[in-house]
């Protein structure tokens, strides 16, 4: 019932094997304990290596359970005692969110690896290009580390904007020579092999990228499942007994290229759909959303004007409009009663539209953005109430802190001929009662039957590079960050 071990190379002392993600090779990922082979992997090795049924198997490089990759196994007690291998080179293939940026602290070695490439020019941080190579220096677990990263490909993605494919090689105690070879530095100590898996994730973070996966320093992506897209695909070292160079490599697991192909296909399909909607194809350089490029955002079958810096309405928010329409037919929505300058605004109790002093339905949209949610709700309510007897008038108020959003929402009210029945107030959630009371265009009593809101939900600390790499960089931060805790707007 145990999984099979794939042996790529072996001699009387050592073996190189392959493991798939989900298989645990060691009893622990703690630095001093990783040599101890897990029971499952030990049983798999006993049935695969020569001689059979050996008891001295030890793991000489740590590879986490969630990674695919190559594993160096010792077959004798004398080799098992070694914590170091000379001239070790481990190369990981890694998929990340976003296009990486080269900060000033990172060394560009592209011209060293590819002599025909143009020499780098010192400047402000720049976008990393395909086939470009850099060395990231850091301090990891008390050691000075260096990591060589080469950008293999960039794939456009609906979910991540761009997916970056890297070859990542920890090069502690090594240096890059002409032609891209890694050689041991004079006087350098041997590589401690257990450092490299975590060093890989940390090094790509230095470039503003985040590994796709479920480990610490990584972040999942829609469609990626439970996989961590890190694979130790190539390995070489000096044999501790014979002194010869041992090298081995393994093709990427089929799920890796399939995932990229699917992301590329989904992106192309969306581009084609956008061409049909907007009538022409727009460039997606720098991942600028097409809505900003054309100045329009489609929501619920309507096209709303939009400018860069205003939150793009998401199709998922149509659920709010649908639920609002359902509540409207039942006349049992919660209301804001006797709205006053008090910070405590919400008083929940059923209010029938016929019971409101003006015999109308008042809708409040907090954080209105383009006004798409408010306009869609008012239009839906107006269509529903037109057939009631007596018909109820529908009015709306949108609130937003952004001057640009207020300007955009007011333009959309005019576009959809709702300027007489709706108003947009520039204010925060907590101060809008005063702003509404002082507005010369406030419509009727300050009482609302329905409150719609899609508020910011991330804390300031959460909105770090981990999130920033896959949230659209062109959209306003205020649309995502709800203060220090993330709950300020809710409160």
Foldseek 3Di string as FASTA:
>chain_A
DFDAWAWPDDDQWKTKIWDAAQDAQAPDLPLVGRFHGDPSNVQNCQVPDPPHPQDQKTWQADDDNQATEMTMITRDNVVSVDQFFAPKKWKKKFKWFFFFKDAQQKAWCLCQQPVVDDDDDDDGIDTDDAQTKIWDWDQDPNRIWIKIKGWHDWFAFPQRRIMTIIIIITQQQWDAGHNGDIDGDVPGDGDRRSRPVVVRLVRRVVRLIATAADDPSHHHTVPPPHHTGMYRFKIWGQDPPPRDIDIDGDDDDPVVVVSRVVRNVVVVVVQVVVCVVVVHGDDCVVNDDVCQVVQWADEPNDTAGAHFAFDHDDNVCVVVLVVLLVCLVVQFFFKFPPADLDLDTGDGGGDGCCRDPVSAAEEEEEACGLVPSVVSNQVSNQVVQVPDVVGHHYAYEYEEQDPRSQVNNCVRCVVVVNNLRYHYFRDHLRRVSVRLVPDPNNPDDPMHRYYHYDAAADAPVRPDSNVCSRDRPRYHPRRHHPYHHRCVNVD
